[in-house]
Amino acid sequence: QVQVVESGGGLVQPGGSLRLSCAASGRSIFSIEVMGWFLQAPGKEREFVAAVWWSGISTFYADSVKGRFTISRDNAKDTVYLQMNSLKPEDTAVYYCAAARTYYSDYTKPSAYSDWGQGTQVTVSS
């Protein structure tokens, strides 16, 4: 199994920035293929935000966050970050980090991920 723990959420004004962290650990950490971030607003389905190959070789983003959010990985700390800039009220949601440990055709789908964190709340409001 892989344990995933998010941190870094909070309240921020529109136009502000936050950095979320996601620490991965566990016996099966070597089998991680991709780490992803998803968001879920109240009453809505979980949506893809960004993902990075565990090797760090590639990243991909939802269109809604391109140019504003950056996903990165610290190899030494087994930690993935989501730097969120130019935040908008519509970015308000619980943000989840997840690990995918098997090959999947589409890593923008929640079903591709086997291990999930508890989530961290991000609220963008003046």
Foldseek 3Di string as FASTA:
>chain_A
DKAKAKDWADEAAAQAKTKMKIAIDDDLLVLFFKKFKWWDAPPGDIFGAKMAGLVRPDIDGDPVQPPFWDWGADNVRNMIMIIGGRDDQVVWGWMKMFTARDDDDDPRDPVRTDYIYPTDTHGYHD
